[in-house]
């Protein structure tokens, strides 16, 4: 006996999904927007650049605040 074809949509076809590309683009756009607003409001913004935390001013001046240090992770984690 032949099976009937199921014409119902699957759950993933019914709902909208978020791809990694869409998420990354939205996050980048939000960060750029927030940085512009911060620059307008405060006159400077703080960002990470070349392994340093720097303060960028509206006139283009950049002030280094502190270096970003790298922390080593444990080589191996054993769960018992």
PDB file of N, CA and C in Angstrom:
ATOM      1  N   UNK A   1       0.831  -1.164   0.000  1.00  0.00           N
ATOM      2  CA  UNK A   1       0.000   0.000   0.000  1.00  0.00           C
ATOM      3  C   UNK A   1       0.890   1.246   0.000  1.00  0.00           C
ATOM      4  N   UNK A   2       0.611   2.194  -0.866  1.00  0.00           N
ATOM      5  CA  UNK A   2       1.403   3.404  -0.985  1.00  0.00           C
ATOM      6  C   UNK A   2       1.025   4.387   0.113  1.00  0.00           C
ATOM      7  N   UNK A   3       2.030   5.096   0.579  1.00  0.00           N
ATOM      8  CA  UNK A   3       1.776   6.100   1.609  1.00  0.00           C
ATOM      9  C   UNK A   3       1.228   7.370   0.982  1.00  0.00           C
ATOM     10  N   UNK A   4       0.414   8.083   1.755  1.00  0.00           N
ATOM     11  CA  UNK A   4      -0.093   9.370   1.306  1.00  0.00           C
ATOM     12  C   UNK A   4       1.005  10.415   1.483  1.00  0.00           C
ATOM     13  N   UNK A   5       1.050  11.340   0.573  1.00  0.00           N
ATOM     14  CA  UNK A   5       2.018  12.416   0.666  1.00  0.00           C
ATOM     15  C   UNK A   5       1.543  13.429   1.701  1.00  0.00           C
ATOM     16  N   UNK A   6       2.444  13.838   2.569  1.00  0.00           N
ATOM     17  CA  UNK A   6       2.118  14.811   3.610  1.00  0.00           C
ATOM     18  C   UNK A   6       2.416  16.205   3.064  1.00  0.00           C
ATOM     19  N   UNK A   7       1.398  17.012   2.861  1.00  0.00           N
ATOM     20  CA  UNK A   7       1.568  18.346   2.294  1.00  0.00           C
ATOM     21  C   UNK A   7       1.721  19.434   3.354  1.00  0.00           C
ATOM     22  N   UNK A   8       1.768  19.051   4.625  1.00  0.00           N
ATOM     23  CA  UNK A   8       1.941  20.050   5.673  1.00  0.00           C
ATOM     24  C   UNK A   8       3.362  20.578   5.666  1.00  0.00           C
ATOM     25  N   UNK A   9       3.493  21.850   6.011  1.00  0.00           N
ATOM     26  CA  UNK A   9       4.826  22.447   6.118  1.00  0.00           C
ATOM     27  C   UNK A   9       5.483  21.991   7.413  1.00  0.00           C
ATOM     28  N   UNK A  10       6.785  21.890   7.376  1.00  0.00           N
ATOM     29  CA  UNK A  10       7.502  21.540   8.600  1.00  0.00           C
ATOM     30  C   UNK A  10       7.598  22.773   9.487  1.00  0.00           C
ATOM     31  N   UNK A  11       7.997  22.570  10.712  1.00  0.00           N
ATOM     32  CA  UNK A  11       8.091  23.672  11.674  1.00  0.00           C
ATOM     33  C   UNK A  11       9.072  24.735  11.193  1.00  0.00           C
ATOM     34  N   UNK A  12      10.206  24.328  10.597  1.00  0.00           N
ATOM     35  CA  UNK A  12      11.202  25.301  10.149  1.00  0.00           C
ATOM     36  C   UNK A  12      10.703  26.095   8.951  1.00  0.00           C
ATOM     37  N   UNK A  13       9.821  25.533   8.144  1.00  0.00           N
ATOM     38  CA  UNK A  13       9.280  26.281   7.015  1.00  0.00           C
ATOM     39  C   UNK A  13       8.252  27.306   7.475  1.00  0.00           C
ATOM     40  N   UNK A  14       7.584  27.045   8.584  1.00  0.00           N
ATOM     41  CA  UNK A  14       6.563  27.954   9.094  1.00  0.00           C
ATOM     42  C   UNK A  14       7.151  29.171   9.786  1.00  0.00           C
ATOM     43  N   UNK A  15       8.254  28.990  10.459  1.00  0.00           N
ATOM     44  CA  UNK A  15       8.796  30.075  11.268  1.00  0.00           C
ATOM     45  C   UNK A  15       9.997  30.711  10.581  1.00  0.00           C
ATOM     46  N   UNK A  16      10.161  31.996  10.811  1.00  0.00           N
ATOM     47  CA  UNK A  16      11.337  32.689  10.298  1.00  0.00           C
ATOM     48  C   UNK A  16      12.524  32.299  11.159  1.00  0.00           C
ATOM     49  N   UNK A  17      13.671  32.173  10.549  1.00  0.00           N
ATOM     50  CA  UNK A  17      14.857  31.810  11.310  1.00  0.00           C
ATOM     51  C   UNK A  17      15.939  32.863  11.117  1.00  0.00           C
ATOM     52  N   UNK A  18      16.879  32.874  12.012  1.00  0.00           N
ATOM     53  CA  UNK A  18      17.942  33.865  12.027  1.00  0.00           C
ATOM     54  C   UNK A  18      19.248  33.191  11.623  1.00  0.00           C
ATOM     55  N   UNK A  19      19.812  33.616  10.520  1.00  0.00           N
ATOM     56  CA  UNK A  19      21.079  33.037  10.096  1.00  0.00           C
ATOM     57  C   UNK A  19      22.222  33.783  10.766  1.00  0.00           C
ATOM     58  N   UNK A  20      23.371  33.155  10.765  1.00  0.00           N
ATOM     59  CA  UNK A  20      24.549  33.767  11.377  1.00  0.00           C
ATOM     60  C   UNK A  20      24.903  35.067  10.658  1.00  0.00           C
ATOM     61  N   UNK A  21      24.805  35.073   9.344  1.00  0.00           N
ATOM     62  CA  UNK A  21      25.147  36.272   8.570  1.00  0.00           C
ATOM     63  C   UNK A  21      24.231  37.442   8.924  1.00  0.00           C
ATOM     64  N   UNK A  22      22.932  37.168   9.039  1.00  0.00           N
ATOM     65  CA  UNK A  22      21.982  38.227   9.394  1.00  0.00           C
ATOM     66  C   UNK A  22      22.271  38.747  10.797  1.00  0.00           C
ATOM     67  N   UNK A  23      22.562  37.842  11.718  1.00  0.00           N
ATOM     68  CA  UNK A  23      22.853  38.227  13.097  1.00  0.00           C
ATOM     69  C   UNK A  23      24.117  39.075  13.185  1.00  0.00           C
ATOM     70  N   UNK A  24      25.180  38.674  12.494  1.00  0.00           N
ATOM     71  CA  UNK A  24      26.447  39.420  12.517  1.00  0.00           C
ATOM     72  C   UNK A  24      26.251  40.803  11.914  1.00  0.00           C
ATOM     73  N   UNK A  25      25.557  40.889  10.779  1.00  0.00           N
ATOM     74  CA  UNK A  25      25.328  42.188  10.143  1.00  0.00           C
ATOM     75  C   UNK A  25      24.501  43.109  11.027  1.00  0.00           C
ATOM     76  N   UNK A  26      23.486  42.573  11.677  1.00  0.00           N
ATOM     77  CA  UNK A  26      22.662  43.393  12.567  1.00  0.00           C
ATOM     78  C   UNK A  26      23.468  43.874  13.772  1.00  0.00           C
ATOM     79  N   UNK A  27      24.307  43.008  14.326  1.00  0.00           N
ATOM     80  CA  UNK A  27      25.131  43.394  15.477  1.00  0.00           C
ATOM     81  C   UNK A  27      26.128  44.483  15.089  1.00  0.00           C
ATOM     82  N   UNK A  28      26.761  44.339  13.927  1.00  0.00           N
ATOM     83  CA  UNK A  28      27.716  45.355  13.469  1.00  0.00           C
ATOM     84  C   UNK A  28      27.036  46.697  13.243  1.00  0.00           C
ATOM     85  N   UNK A  29      25.861  46.665  12.640  1.00  0.00           N
ATOM     86  CA  UNK A  29      25.128  47.909  12.392  1.00  0.00           C
ATOM     87  C   UNK A  29      24.746  48.575  13.707  1.00  0.00           C
ATOM     88  N   UNK A  30      24.333  47.782  14.688  1.00  0.00           N
ATOM     89  CA  UNK A  30      23.980  48.323  15.997  1.00  0.00           C
ATOM     90  C   UNK A  30      25.173  48.938  16.705  1.00  0.00           C
ATOM     91  N   UNK A  31      26.325  48.293  16.587  1.00  0.00           N
ATOM     92  CA  UNK A  31      27.544  48.812  17.218  1.00  0.00           C
ATOM     93  C   UNK A  31      27.956  50.128  16.564  1.00  0.00           C
ATOM     94  N   UNK A  32      27.898  50.192  15.226  1.00  0.00           N
ATOM     95  CA  UNK A  32      28.240  51.441  14.527  1.00  0.00           C
ATOM     96  C   UNK A  32      27.298  52.571  14.933  1.00  0.00           C
ATOM     97  N   UNK A  33      26.023  52.263  15.022  1.00  0.00           N
ATOM     98  CA  UNK A  33      25.028  53.273  15.418  1.00  0.00           C
ATOM     99  C   UNK A  33      25.293  53.770  16.842  1.00  0.00           C
ATOM    100  N   UNK A  34      25.561  52.849  17.756  1.00  0.00           N
ATOM    101  CA  UNK A  34      25.838  53.220  19.140  1.00  0.00           C
ATOM    102  C   UNK A  34      27.124  54.039  19.242  1.00  0.00           C
ATOM    103  N   UNK A  35      28.136  53.697  18.456  1.00  0.00           N
ATOM    104  CA  UNK A  35      29.394  54.447  18.482  1.00  0.00           C
ATOM    105  C   UNK A  35      29.191  55.876  17.981  1.00  0.00           C
ATOM    106  N   UNK A  36      28.381  56.034  16.920  1.00  0.00           N
ATOM    107  CA  UNK A  36      28.085  57.390  16.426  1.00  0.00           C
ATOM    108  C   UNK A  36      27.340  58.214  17.463  1.00  0.00           C
ATOM    109  N   UNK A  37      26.349  57.599  18.099  1.00  0.00           N
ATOM    110  CA  UNK A  37      25.587  58.314  19.127  1.00  0.00           C
ATOM    111  C   UNK A  37      26.464  58.695  20.313  1.00  0.00           C
ATOM    112  N   UNK A  38      27.342  57.786  20.728  1.00  0.00           N
ATOM    113  CA  UNK A  38      28.249  58.062  21.842  1.00  0.00           C
ATOM    114  C   UNK A  38      29.191  59.201  21.499  1.00  0.00           C
ATOM    115  N   UNK A  39      29.711  59.190  20.261  1.00  0.00           N
ATOM    116  CA  UNK A  39      30.625  60.248  19.837  1.00  0.00           C
ATOM    117  C   UNK A  39      29.913  61.594  19.847  1.00  0.00           C
ATOM    118  N   UNK A  40      28.665  61.638  19.388  1.00  0.00           N
ATOM    119  CA  UNK A  40      27.912  62.889  19.385  1.00  0.00           C
ATOM    120  C   UNK A  40      27.613  63.373  20.805  1.00  0.00           C
ATOM    121  N   UNK A  41      27.260  62.451  21.676  1.00  0.00           N
ATOM    122  CA  UNK A  41      26.852  62.809  23.032  1.00  0.00           C
ATOM    123  C   UNK A  41      28.044  63.131  23.932  1.00  0.00           C
ATOM    124  N   UNK A  42      29.040  62.264  23.951  1.00  0.00           N
ATOM    125  CA  UNK A  42      30.160  62.394  24.880  1.00  0.00           C
ATOM    126  C   UNK A  42      31.377  63.106  24.282  1.00  0.00           C
ATOM    127  N   UNK A  43      31.525  63.043  22.955  1.00  0.00           N
ATOM    128  CA  UNK A  43      32.705  63.641  22.333  1.00  0.00           C
ATOM    129  C   UNK A  43      33.847  62.661  22.182  1.00  0.00           C
ATOM    130  N   UNK A  44      33.682  61.456  22.676  1.00  0.00           N
ATOM    131  CA  UNK A  44      34.689  60.404  22.509  1.00  0.00           C
ATOM    132  C   UNK A  44      34.005  59.049  22.608  1.00  0.00           C
ATOM    133  N   UNK A  45      34.718  58.023  22.166  1.00  0.00           N
ATOM    134  CA  UNK A  45      34.244  56.652  22.318  1.00  0.00           C
ATOM    135  C   UNK A  45      35.437  55.767  22.664  1.00  0.00           C
ATOM    136  N   UNK A  46      35.208  54.710  23.394  1.00  0.00           N
ATOM    137  CA  UNK A  46      36.274  53.795  23.809  1.00  0.00           C
ATOM    138  C   UNK A  46      36.130  52.505  23.026  1.00  0.00           C
ATOM    139  N   UNK A  47      37.235  52.106  22.380  1.00  0.00           N
ATOM    140  CA  UNK A  47      37.232  50.911  21.538  1.00  0.00           C
ATOM    141  C   UNK A  47      38.506  50.105  21.771  1.00  0.00           C
ATOM    142  N   UNK A  48      38.508  48.881  21.270  1.00  0.00           N
ATOM    143  CA  UNK A  48      39.714  48.049  21.282  1.00  0.00           C
ATOM    144  C   UNK A  48      40.360  48.158  19.906  1.00  0.00           C
ATOM    145  N   UNK A  49      41.671  48.433  19.908  1.00  0.00           N
ATOM    146  CA  UNK A  49      42.383  48.612  18.651  1.00  0.00           C
ATOM    147  C   UNK A  49      43.834  48.189  18.821  1.00  0.00           C
ATOM    148  N   UNK A  50      44.301  47.277  17.997  1.00  0.00           N
ATOM    149  CA  UNK A  50      45.699  46.812  18.016  1.00  0.00           C
ATOM    150  C   UNK A  50      46.142  46.368  19.409  1.00  0.00           C
ATOM    151  N   UNK A  51      45.351  45.533  20.046  1.00  0.00           N
ATOM    152  CA  UNK A  51      45.633  44.992  21.379  1.00  0.00           C
ATOM    153  C   UNK A  51      45.733  46.069  22.460  1.00  0.00           C
ATOM    154  N   UNK A  52      45.057  47.187  22.262  1.00  0.00           N
ATOM    155  CA  UNK A  52      44.988  48.266  23.237  1.00  0.00           C
ATOM    156  C   UNK A  52      43.541  48.710  23.405  1.00  0.00           C
ATOM    157  N   UNK A  53      43.189  49.157  24.591  1.00  0.00           N
ATOM    158  CA  UNK A  53      41.926  49.849  24.805  1.00  0.00           C
ATOM    159  C   UNK A  53      42.247  51.323  24.615  1.00  0.00           C
ATOM    160  N   UNK A  54      41.561  51.961  23.636  1.00  0.00           N
ATOM    161  CA  UNK A  54      41.877  53.350  23.312  1.00  0.00           C
ATOM    162  C   UNK A  54      40.624  54.214  23.386  1.00  0.00           C
ATOM    163  N   UNK A  55      40.852  55.488  23.626  1.00  0.00           N
ATOM    164  CA  UNK A  55      39.771  56.474  23.641  1.00  0.00           C
ATOM    165  C   UNK A  55      39.953  57.328  22.389  1.00  0.00           C
ATOM    166  N   UNK A  56      38.936  57.330  21.513  1.00  0.00           N
ATOM    167  CA  UNK A  56      38.986  58.114  20.283  1.00  0.00           C
ATOM    168  C   UNK A  56      38.109  59.342  20.446  1.00  0.00           C
ATOM    169  N   UNK A  57      38.707  60.506  20.192  1.00  0.00           N
ATOM    170  CA  UNK A  57      37.993  61.767  20.319  1.00  0.00           C
ATOM    171  C   UNK A  57      37.420  62.207  18.981  1.00  0.00           C
ATOM    172  N   UNK A  58      36.480  63.128  19.044  1.00  0.00           N
ATOM    173  CA  UNK A  58      35.792  63.623  17.855  1.00  0.00           C
ATOM    174  C   UNK A  58      36.761  64.241  16.849  1.00  0.00           C
ATOM    175  N   UNK A  59      37.805  64.899  17.319  1.00  0.00           N
ATOM    176  CA  UNK A  59      38.745  65.581  16.425  1.00  0.00           C
ATOM    177  C   UNK A  59      39.786  64.636  15.818  1.00  0.00           C
ATOM    178  N   UNK A  60      39.711  63.321  16.128  1.00  0.00           N
ATOM    179  CA  UNK A  60      40.628  62.343  15.551  1.00  0.00           C
ATOM    180  C   UNK A  60      41.762  61.930  16.468  1.00  0.00           C
ATOM    181  N   UNK A  61      41.929  62.632  17.588  1.00  0.00           N
ATOM    182  CA  UNK A  61      42.978  62.291  18.549  1.00  0.00           C
ATOM    183  C   UNK A  61      42.655  60.945  19.199  1.00  0.00           C
ATOM    184  N   UNK A  62      43.683  60.100  19.364  1.00  0.00           N
ATOM    185  CA  UNK A  62      43.522  58.791  19.984  1.00  0.00           C
ATOM    186  C   UNK A  62      44.427  58.699  21.199  1.00  0.00           C
ATOM    187  N   UNK A  63      43.855  58.288  22.323  1.00  0.00           N
ATOM    188  CA  UNK A  63      44.604  58.153  23.573  1.00  0.00           C
ATOM    189  C   UNK A  63      44.591  56.688  24.006  1.00  0.00           C
ATOM    190  N   UNK A  64      45.775  56.105  24.204  1.00  0.00           N
ATOM    191  CA  UNK A  64      45.860  54.720  24.669  1.00  0.00           C
ATOM    192  C   UNK A  64      45.553  54.678  26.160  1.00  0.00           C
ATOM    193  N   UNK A  65      44.660  53.768  26.545  1.00  0.00           N
ATOM    194  CA  UNK A  65      44.281  53.654  27.953  1.00  0.00           C
ATOM    195  C   UNK A  65      45.050  52.525  28.627  1.00  0.00           C
ATOM    196  N   UNK A  66      44.946  51.315  28.073  1.00  0.00           N
ATOM    197  CA  UNK A  66      45.687  50.192  28.654  1.00  0.00           C
ATOM    198  C   UNK A  66      45.814  49.068  27.634  1.00  0.00           C
ATOM    199  N   UNK A  67      46.875  48.264  27.753  1.00  0.00           N
ATOM    200  CA  UNK A  67      47.019  47.135  26.824  1.00  0.00           C
ATOM    201  C   UNK A  67      46.025  46.023  27.171  1.00  0.00           C
ATOM    202  N   UNK A  68      45.669  45.264  26.164  1.00  0.00           N
ATOM    203  CA  UNK A  68      44.805  44.107  26.369  1.00  0.00           C
ATOM    204  C   UNK A  68      45.718  42.906  26.581  1.00  0.00           C
ATOM    205  N   UNK A  69      45.603  42.283  27.742  1.00  0.00           N
ATOM    206  CA  UNK A  69      46.453  41.129  28.039  1.00  0.00           C
ATOM    207  C   UNK A  69      45.731  39.843  27.657  1.00  0.00           C
ATOM    208  N   UNK A  70      46.505  38.908  27.180  1.00  0.00           N
ATOM    209  CA  UNK A  70      45.946  37.613  26.820  1.00  0.00           C
ATOM    210  C   UNK A  70      46.113  36.671  27.992  1.00  0.00           C
ATOM    211  N   UNK A  71      45.068  35.946  28.292  1.00  0.00           N
ATOM    212  CA  UNK A  71      45.104  34.971  29.369  1.00  0.00           C
ATOM    213  C   UNK A  71      45.140  33.582  28.767  1.00  0.00           C
ATOM    214  N   UNK A  72      46.015  32.741  29.319  1.00  0.00           N
ATOM    215  CA  UNK A  72      46.088  31.377  28.831  1.00  0.00           C
ATOM    216  C   UNK A  72      44.965  30.559  29.428  1.00  0.00           C
ATOM    217  N   UNK A  73      44.381  29.736  28.607  1.00  0.00           N
ATOM    218  CA  UNK A  73      43.349  28.810  29.084  1.00  0.00           C
ATOM    219  C   UNK A  73      44.023  27.545  29.540  1.00  0.00           C
ATOM    220  N   UNK A  74      43.362  26.818  30.419  1.00  0.00           N
ATOM    221  CA  UNK A  74      43.940  25.533  30.809  1.00  0.00           C
ATOM    222  C   UNK A  74      44.059  24.633  29.579  1.00  0.00           C
ATOM    223  N   UNK A  75      45.150  23.883  29.536  1.00  0.00           N
ATOM    224  CA  UNK A  75      45.389  23.031  28.385  1.00  0.00           C
ATOM    225  C   UNK A  75      44.354  21.952  28.192  1.00  0.00           C
ATOM    226  N   UNK A  76      43.940  21.329  29.268  1.00  0.00           N
ATOM    227  CA  UNK A  76      43.007  20.231  29.153  1.00  0.00           C
ATOM    228  C   UNK A  76      42.094  20.211  30.370  1.00  0.00           C
ATOM    229  N   UNK A  77      40.829  20.054  30.118  1.00  0.00           N
ATOM    230  CA  UNK A  77      39.866  19.963  31.217  1.00  0.00           C
ATOM    231  C   UNK A  77      39.320  18.548  31.219  1.00  0.00           C
ATOM    232  N   UNK A  78      39.428  17.888  32.350  1.00  0.00           N
ATOM    233  CA  UNK A  78      38.956  16.522  32.479  1.00  0.00           C
ATOM    234  C   UNK A  78      37.745  16.508  33.406  1.00  0.00           C
ATOM    235  N   UNK A  79      36.633  16.031  32.905  1.00  0.00           N
ATOM    236  CA  UNK A  79      35.431  15.908  33.713  1.00  0.00           C
ATOM    237  C   UNK A  79      35.281  14.473  34.147  1.00  0.00           C
ATOM    238  N   UNK A  80      35.045  14.248  35.428  1.00  0.00           N
ATOM    239  CA  UNK A  80      34.906  12.871  35.933  1.00  0.00           C
ATOM    240  C   UNK A  80      33.511  12.612  36.377  1.00  0.00           C
TER     241      UNK A  80
END
